């Protein structure tokens, strides 16, 4: 059993994945998202009084809309990161939620928040393509 608050190695996962590094990566991702959010808020506050004409105002509104969409995507990513950290803590990180098989370490390194192995992800994407 691992120490409290320390990631346990998930059962059935391929050996060799550095779970401490995965945790550091996830926490760094949280830090980057937080810094971007703070910078965007500061930019929005500073930009409020710089509109010379209607075109500038329209461009500012377009930029604000894009920034809000990006913040929304980042909010969803924060949720996924917290879920991945919880899986690290409870020992289920790296196990596919559909088939229960280990997720390849290369996939986890490329996308540390993933919950699906490559085969299950491809199957879901194929199903989505058929429905659209």
N, C-alpha and C. Protein backbone atom coordinates (compact mmCIF):
# COMPACT_ATOMS: atom_id res chain seq x y z
N UNK A 1 0.85 -1.18 0.00
CA UNK A 1 0.00 0.00 0.00
C UNK A 1 0.89 1.23 0.00
N UNK A 2 0.51 2.24 -0.73
CA UNK A 2 1.31 3.46 -0.82
C UNK A 2 0.94 4.42 0.31
N UNK A 3 1.79 5.41 0.50
CA UNK A 3 1.55 6.42 1.53
C UNK A 3 0.33 7.25 1.15
N UNK A 4 -0.42 7.76 2.14
CA UNK A 4 -1.60 8.57 1.83
C UNK A 4 -1.24 9.76 0.95
N UNK A 5 -2.10 10.00 -0.05
CA UNK A 5 -1.87 11.13 -0.95
C UNK A 5 -0.86 10.86 -2.04
N UNK A 6 -0.24 9.69 -2.02
CA UNK A 6 0.73 9.33 -3.04
C UNK A 6 0.06 8.41 -4.05
N UNK A 7 0.35 8.58 -5.34
CA UNK A 7 -0.28 7.72 -6.33
C UNK A 7 0.15 6.27 -6.16
N UNK A 8 -0.82 5.36 -6.24
CA UNK A 8 -0.53 3.93 -6.26
C UNK A 8 -0.40 3.51 -7.70
N UNK A 9 0.39 2.49 -7.94
CA UNK A 9 0.48 1.97 -9.30
C UNK A 9 -0.78 1.17 -9.58
N UNK A 10 -1.52 1.54 -10.64
CA UNK A 10 -2.76 0.83 -10.94
C UNK A 10 -2.50 -0.64 -11.23
N UNK A 11 -3.44 -1.47 -10.84
CA UNK A 11 -3.31 -2.89 -11.13
C UNK A 11 -3.45 -3.10 -12.64
N UNK A 12 -2.65 -3.99 -13.17
CA UNK A 12 -2.77 -4.34 -14.58
C UNK A 12 -2.14 -3.36 -15.55
N UNK A 13 -1.61 -2.25 -15.07
CA UNK A 13 -1.02 -1.28 -15.97
C UNK A 13 0.40 -1.70 -16.33
N UNK A 14 0.80 -1.38 -17.53
CA UNK A 14 2.15 -1.74 -17.98
C UNK A 14 3.19 -1.12 -17.05
N UNK A 15 4.18 -1.90 -16.64
CA UNK A 15 5.22 -1.35 -15.77
C UNK A 15 6.07 -0.33 -16.52
N UNK A 16 6.70 0.53 -15.76
CA UNK A 16 7.61 1.49 -16.37
C UNK A 16 7.06 2.90 -16.47
N UNK A 17 5.76 3.06 -16.28
CA UNK A 17 5.20 4.41 -16.33
C UNK A 17 5.50 5.09 -15.01
N UNK A 18 6.08 6.26 -15.09
CA UNK A 18 6.46 7.01 -13.89
C UNK A 18 5.25 7.82 -13.42
N UNK A 19 4.54 7.27 -12.44
CA UNK A 19 3.30 7.89 -11.97
C UNK A 19 3.56 9.22 -11.27
N UNK A 20 4.70 9.36 -10.62
CA UNK A 20 5.05 10.64 -10.00
C UNK A 20 5.22 11.70 -11.07
N UNK A 21 5.82 11.32 -12.21
CA UNK A 21 5.98 12.27 -13.32
C UNK A 21 4.62 12.63 -13.92
N UNK A 22 3.75 11.64 -14.04
CA UNK A 22 2.40 11.91 -14.54
C UNK A 22 1.70 12.92 -13.63
N UNK A 23 1.81 12.72 -12.32
CA UNK A 23 1.19 13.65 -11.38
C UNK A 23 1.78 15.05 -11.54
N UNK A 24 3.11 15.14 -11.68
CA UNK A 24 3.74 16.46 -11.87
C UNK A 24 3.25 17.11 -13.16
N UNK A 25 3.10 16.32 -14.21
CA UNK A 25 2.61 16.84 -15.49
C UNK A 25 1.19 17.37 -15.34
N UNK A 26 0.33 16.61 -14.69
CA UNK A 26 -1.05 17.04 -14.49
C UNK A 26 -1.11 18.33 -13.66
N UNK A 27 -0.31 18.40 -12.61
CA UNK A 27 -0.30 19.61 -11.78
C UNK A 27 0.27 20.80 -12.54
N UNK A 28 1.25 20.57 -13.40
CA UNK A 28 1.79 21.64 -14.24
C UNK A 28 0.73 22.14 -15.22
N UNK A 29 -0.06 21.21 -15.76
CA UNK A 29 -1.15 21.60 -16.66
C UNK A 29 -2.14 22.50 -15.93
N UNK A 30 -2.46 22.15 -14.68
CA UNK A 30 -3.36 23.00 -13.88
C UNK A 30 -2.77 24.39 -13.70
N UNK A 31 -1.47 24.46 -13.42
CA UNK A 31 -0.81 25.75 -13.23
C UNK A 31 -0.84 26.60 -14.49
N UNK A 32 -0.61 25.98 -15.64
CA UNK A 32 -0.64 26.70 -16.91
C UNK A 32 -2.03 27.25 -17.20
N UNK A 33 -3.04 26.45 -16.97
CA UNK A 33 -4.42 26.89 -17.21
C UNK A 33 -4.77 28.04 -16.27
N UNK A 34 -4.36 27.93 -15.02
CA UNK A 34 -4.63 29.00 -14.06
C UNK A 34 -3.94 30.30 -14.49
N UNK A 35 -2.69 30.19 -14.92
CA UNK A 35 -1.95 31.39 -15.35
C UNK A 35 -2.61 32.03 -16.57
N UNK A 36 -3.05 31.21 -17.53
CA UNK A 36 -3.74 31.74 -18.71
C UNK A 36 -5.03 32.45 -18.32
N UNK A 37 -5.76 31.85 -17.40
CA UNK A 37 -7.02 32.45 -16.95
C UNK A 37 -6.78 33.80 -16.29
N UNK A 38 -5.75 33.88 -15.46
CA UNK A 38 -5.42 35.16 -14.80
C UNK A 38 -5.00 36.20 -15.83
N UNK A 39 -4.21 35.79 -16.82
CA UNK A 39 -3.75 36.72 -17.85
C UNK A 39 -4.92 37.23 -18.67
N UNK A 40 -5.84 36.35 -19.01
CA UNK A 40 -7.02 36.76 -19.79
C UNK A 40 -7.86 37.75 -19.01
N UNK A 41 -8.06 37.49 -17.73
CA UNK A 41 -8.84 38.41 -16.90
C UNK A 41 -8.17 39.77 -16.84
N UNK A 42 -6.86 39.79 -16.70
CA UNK A 42 -6.13 41.05 -16.65
C UNK A 42 -6.23 41.79 -17.99
N UNK A 43 -6.12 41.07 -19.09
CA UNK A 43 -6.23 41.69 -20.42
C UNK A 43 -7.61 42.28 -20.63
N UNK A 44 -8.65 41.54 -20.24
CA UNK A 44 -10.02 42.03 -20.40
C UNK A 44 -10.25 43.30 -19.60
N UNK A 45 -9.74 43.33 -18.40
CA UNK A 45 -9.89 44.51 -17.55
C UNK A 45 -9.17 45.70 -18.15
N UNK A 46 -7.96 45.48 -18.65
CA UNK A 46 -7.16 46.56 -19.21
C UNK A 46 -7.73 47.06 -20.54
N UNK A 47 -8.40 46.20 -21.29
CA UNK A 47 -8.87 46.55 -22.63
C UNK A 47 -10.20 47.29 -22.65
N UNK A 48 -10.88 47.36 -21.53
CA UNK A 48 -12.24 47.91 -21.53
C UNK A 48 -12.34 49.35 -22.02
N UNK A 49 -11.34 50.16 -21.83
CA UNK A 49 -11.43 51.58 -22.18
C UNK A 49 -10.70 51.95 -23.46
N UNK A 50 -10.32 51.01 -24.29
CA UNK A 50 -9.49 51.31 -25.46
C UNK A 50 -10.25 51.31 -26.78
N UNK A 51 -11.54 51.50 -26.79
CA UNK A 51 -12.29 51.39 -28.04
C UNK A 51 -12.42 52.75 -28.70
N UNK A 52 -11.78 52.89 -29.84
CA UNK A 52 -11.80 54.17 -30.55
C UNK A 52 -13.06 54.31 -31.40
N UNK A 53 -13.56 53.21 -31.92
CA UNK A 53 -14.76 53.29 -32.77
C UNK A 53 -15.52 51.96 -32.73
N UNK A 54 -16.56 51.88 -33.53
CA UNK A 54 -17.44 50.71 -33.55
C UNK A 54 -16.69 49.47 -34.03
N UNK A 55 -15.80 49.62 -34.98
CA UNK A 55 -15.05 48.48 -35.50
C UNK A 55 -14.15 47.91 -34.39
N UNK A 56 -13.50 48.80 -33.64
CA UNK A 56 -12.67 48.34 -32.53
C UNK A 56 -13.53 47.62 -31.48
N UNK A 57 -14.69 48.15 -31.22
CA UNK A 57 -15.59 47.53 -30.26
C UNK A 57 -16.03 46.14 -30.74
N UNK A 58 -16.35 46.03 -32.02
CA UNK A 58 -16.76 44.74 -32.59
C UNK A 58 -15.62 43.72 -32.50
N UNK A 59 -14.41 44.16 -32.81
CA UNK A 59 -13.26 43.27 -32.71
C UNK A 59 -13.03 42.84 -31.27
N UNK A 60 -13.18 43.76 -30.34
CA UNK A 60 -13.01 43.44 -28.93
C UNK A 60 -14.06 42.42 -28.48
N UNK A 61 -15.29 42.59 -28.94
CA UNK A 61 -16.34 41.63 -28.59
C UNK A 61 -16.05 40.25 -29.17
N UNK A 62 -15.55 40.22 -30.39
CA UNK A 62 -15.18 38.95 -31.01
C UNK A 62 -14.05 38.28 -30.22
N UNK A 63 -13.07 39.07 -29.84
CA UNK A 63 -11.95 38.54 -29.04
C UNK A 63 -12.44 38.02 -27.69
N UNK A 64 -13.34 38.76 -27.07
CA UNK A 64 -13.88 38.36 -25.77
C UNK A 64 -14.65 37.04 -25.92
N UNK A 65 -15.41 36.92 -26.97
CA UNK A 65 -16.17 35.69 -27.20
C UNK A 65 -15.23 34.49 -27.38
N UNK A 66 -14.16 34.70 -28.13
CA UNK A 66 -13.18 33.63 -28.34
C UNK A 66 -12.51 33.27 -27.01
N UNK A 67 -12.16 34.27 -26.24
CA UNK A 67 -11.51 34.03 -24.94
C UNK A 67 -12.44 33.24 -24.01
N UNK A 68 -13.72 33.56 -24.04
CA UNK A 68 -14.67 32.83 -23.19
C UNK A 68 -14.81 31.37 -23.63
N UNK A 69 -14.80 31.14 -24.95
CA UNK A 69 -14.86 29.75 -25.43
C UNK A 69 -13.62 28.98 -25.00
N UNK A 70 -12.47 29.65 -25.08
CA UNK A 70 -11.23 29.00 -24.65
C UNK A 70 -11.26 28.71 -23.15
N UNK A 71 -11.75 29.65 -22.37
CA UNK A 71 -11.84 29.44 -20.91
C UNK A 71 -12.77 28.27 -20.60
N UNK A 72 -13.85 28.15 -21.37
CA UNK A 72 -14.78 27.03 -21.17
C UNK A 72 -14.09 25.70 -21.44
N UNK A 73 -13.32 25.63 -22.52
CA UNK A 73 -12.57 24.41 -22.83
C UNK A 73 -11.56 24.11 -21.73
N UNK A 74 -10.92 25.17 -21.23
CA UNK A 74 -9.94 24.97 -20.17
C UNK A 74 -10.62 24.52 -18.88
N UNK A 75 -11.82 25.02 -18.61
CA UNK A 75 -12.57 24.59 -17.43
C UNK A 75 -12.86 23.10 -17.51
N UNK A 76 -13.27 22.63 -18.68
CA UNK A 76 -13.51 21.20 -18.86
C UNK A 76 -12.22 20.40 -18.68
N UNK A 77 -11.10 20.96 -19.15
CA UNK A 77 -9.82 20.28 -18.99
C UNK A 77 -9.42 20.21 -17.51
N UNK A 78 -9.68 21.27 -16.77
CA UNK A 78 -9.38 21.26 -15.33
C UNK A 78 -10.15 20.13 -14.65
N UNK A 79 -11.41 19.97 -15.01
CA UNK A 79 -12.21 18.89 -14.45
C UNK A 79 -11.59 17.53 -14.78
N UNK A 80 -11.15 17.35 -16.02
CA UNK A 80 -10.52 16.08 -16.42
C UNK A 80 -9.21 15.85 -15.66
N UNK A 81 -8.46 16.92 -15.46
CA UNK A 81 -7.19 16.79 -14.73
C UNK A 81 -7.45 16.36 -13.29
N UNK A 82 -8.44 16.98 -12.65
CA UNK A 82 -8.77 16.59 -11.28
C UNK A 82 -9.24 15.13 -11.22
N UNK A 83 -10.00 14.70 -12.22
CA UNK A 83 -10.44 13.31 -12.25
C UNK A 83 -9.24 12.37 -12.43
N UNK A 84 -8.28 12.76 -13.27
CA UNK A 84 -7.07 11.94 -13.47
C UNK A 84 -6.26 11.86 -12.18
N UNK A 85 -6.14 12.98 -11.47
CA UNK A 85 -5.42 12.97 -10.19
C UNK A 85 -6.11 12.05 -9.19
N UNK A 86 -7.43 12.04 -9.20
CA UNK A 86 -8.18 11.15 -8.30
C UNK A 86 -7.92 9.69 -8.68
N UNK A 87 -7.89 9.39 -9.97
CA UNK A 87 -7.60 8.02 -10.40
C UNK A 87 -6.18 7.62 -10.00
N UNK A 88 -5.23 8.57 -10.08
CA UNK A 88 -3.88 8.28 -9.61
C UNK A 88 -3.89 7.92 -8.13
N UNK A 89 -4.64 8.70 -7.38
CA UNK A 89 -4.71 8.49 -5.94
C UNK A 89 -5.37 7.17 -5.57
N UNK A 90 -6.44 6.82 -6.28
CA UNK A 90 -7.15 5.59 -5.90
C UNK A 90 -6.65 4.33 -6.61
N UNK A 91 -5.63 4.49 -7.47
CA UNK A 91 -5.01 3.33 -8.10
C UNK A 91 -5.68 2.84 -9.36
N UNK A 92 -6.57 3.61 -9.94
CA UNK A 92 -7.24 3.18 -11.17
C UNK A 92 -6.73 3.92 -12.41
N UNK A 93 -5.74 4.78 -12.25
CA UNK A 93 -5.19 5.52 -13.39
C UNK A 93 -4.56 4.54 -14.37
N UNK A 94 -4.84 4.75 -15.64
CA UNK A 94 -4.24 3.91 -16.68
C UNK A 94 -5.05 2.69 -17.04
N UNK A 95 -6.26 2.58 -16.49
CA UNK A 95 -7.15 1.47 -16.81
C UNK A 95 -8.29 2.02 -17.67
N UNK A 96 -8.52 1.41 -18.82
CA UNK A 96 -9.57 1.86 -19.73
C UNK A 96 -10.93 1.71 -19.06
N UNK A 97 -11.73 2.77 -19.11
CA UNK A 97 -13.05 2.73 -18.47
C UNK A 97 -14.05 1.88 -19.24
N UNK A 98 -13.78 1.58 -20.50
CA UNK A 98 -14.70 0.74 -21.27
C UNK A 98 -14.38 -0.74 -21.16
N UNK A 99 -13.13 -1.11 -21.43
CA UNK A 99 -12.78 -2.54 -21.49
C UNK A 99 -12.03 -3.04 -20.26
N UNK A 100 -11.53 -2.13 -19.43
CA UNK A 100 -10.82 -2.54 -18.22
C UNK A 100 -9.38 -2.96 -18.44
N UNK A 101 -8.91 -2.83 -19.67
CA UNK A 101 -7.52 -3.18 -19.99
C UNK A 101 -6.60 -1.98 -19.72
N UNK A 102 -5.30 -2.25 -19.57
CA UNK A 102 -4.36 -1.15 -19.37
C UNK A 102 -4.29 -0.25 -20.61
N UNK A 103 -4.15 1.04 -20.38
CA UNK A 103 -3.94 2.01 -21.45
C UNK A 103 -2.44 2.07 -21.70
N UNK A 104 -2.03 2.09 -22.95
CA UNK A 104 -0.60 2.11 -23.29
C UNK A 104 0.08 3.32 -22.66
N UNK A 105 1.26 3.11 -22.06
CA UNK A 105 1.99 4.23 -21.46
C UNK A 105 2.21 5.39 -22.43
N UNK A 106 2.48 5.09 -23.69
CA UNK A 106 2.70 6.17 -24.67
C UNK A 106 1.45 7.03 -24.81
N UNK A 107 0.29 6.40 -24.78
CA UNK A 107 -0.98 7.16 -24.87
C UNK A 107 -1.16 8.02 -23.62
N UNK A 108 -0.86 7.46 -22.45
CA UNK A 108 -0.99 8.22 -21.21
C UNK A 108 -0.02 9.40 -21.16
N UNK A 109 1.17 9.21 -21.70
CA UNK A 109 2.13 10.32 -21.73
C UNK A 109 1.68 11.41 -22.70
N UNK A 110 1.09 11.00 -23.82
CA UNK A 110 0.63 11.97 -24.81
C UNK A 110 -0.62 12.71 -24.34
N UNK A 111 -1.49 12.01 -23.65
CA UNK A 111 -2.76 12.58 -23.16
C UNK A 111 -3.01 12.05 -21.76
N UNK A 112 -2.41 12.69 -20.76
CA UNK A 112 -2.48 12.15 -19.40
C UNK A 112 -3.87 12.11 -18.78
N UNK A 113 -4.86 12.77 -19.37
CA UNK A 113 -6.21 12.76 -18.82
C UNK A 113 -7.10 11.70 -19.47
N UNK A 114 -6.56 10.94 -20.39
CA UNK A 114 -7.37 9.96 -21.11
C UNK A 114 -7.93 8.88 -20.18
N UNK A 115 -9.11 8.42 -20.51
CA UNK A 115 -9.74 7.33 -19.75
C UNK A 115 -9.99 6.11 -20.62
N UNK A 116 -9.60 6.19 -21.89
CA UNK A 116 -9.86 5.11 -22.84
C UNK A 116 -8.57 4.66 -23.51
N UNK A 117 -8.46 3.35 -23.74
CA UNK A 117 -7.35 2.84 -24.55
C UNK A 117 -7.59 3.26 -26.00
N UNK A 118 -6.59 3.13 -26.82
CA UNK A 118 -6.69 3.57 -28.22
C UNK A 118 -7.80 2.83 -28.96
N UNK A 119 -7.95 1.53 -28.72
CA UNK A 119 -8.98 0.76 -29.42
C UNK A 119 -10.38 1.24 -29.05
N UNK A 120 -10.64 1.44 -27.76
CA UNK A 120 -11.97 1.89 -27.32
C UNK A 120 -12.25 3.31 -27.80
N UNK A 121 -11.23 4.16 -27.81
CA UNK A 121 -11.41 5.52 -28.30
C UNK A 121 -11.75 5.50 -29.79
N UNK A 122 -11.04 4.69 -30.55
CA UNK A 122 -11.32 4.58 -31.99
C UNK A 122 -12.74 4.06 -32.23
N UNK A 123 -13.16 3.11 -31.40
CA UNK A 123 -14.52 2.56 -31.53
C UNK A 123 -15.57 3.64 -31.24
N UNK A 124 -15.35 4.43 -30.20
CA UNK A 124 -16.29 5.51 -29.88
C UNK A 124 -16.34 6.55 -31.00
N UNK A 125 -15.18 6.89 -31.55
CA UNK A 125 -15.15 7.87 -32.64
C UNK A 125 -15.87 7.34 -33.87
N UNK A 126 -15.71 6.05 -34.15
CA UNK A 126 -16.40 5.45 -35.30
C UNK A 126 -17.91 5.48 -35.07
N UNK A 127 -18.35 5.19 -33.85
CA UNK A 127 -19.79 5.24 -33.52
C UNK A 127 -20.32 6.67 -33.69
N UNK A 128 -19.55 7.66 -33.22
CA UNK A 128 -19.98 9.06 -33.35
C UNK A 128 -20.07 9.47 -34.81
N UNK A 129 -19.13 8.99 -35.63
CA UNK A 129 -19.14 9.32 -37.04
C UNK A 129 -20.38 8.74 -37.73
N UNK A 130 -20.78 7.56 -37.32
CA UNK A 130 -21.96 6.93 -37.91
C UNK A 130 -23.24 7.68 -37.52
N UNK A 131 -23.28 8.23 -36.32
CA UNK A 131 -24.46 8.95 -35.84
C UNK A 131 -24.58 10.35 -36.41
N UNK A 132 -23.49 10.90 -36.93
CA UNK A 132 -23.59 12.28 -37.44
C UNK A 132 -23.72 12.34 -38.93
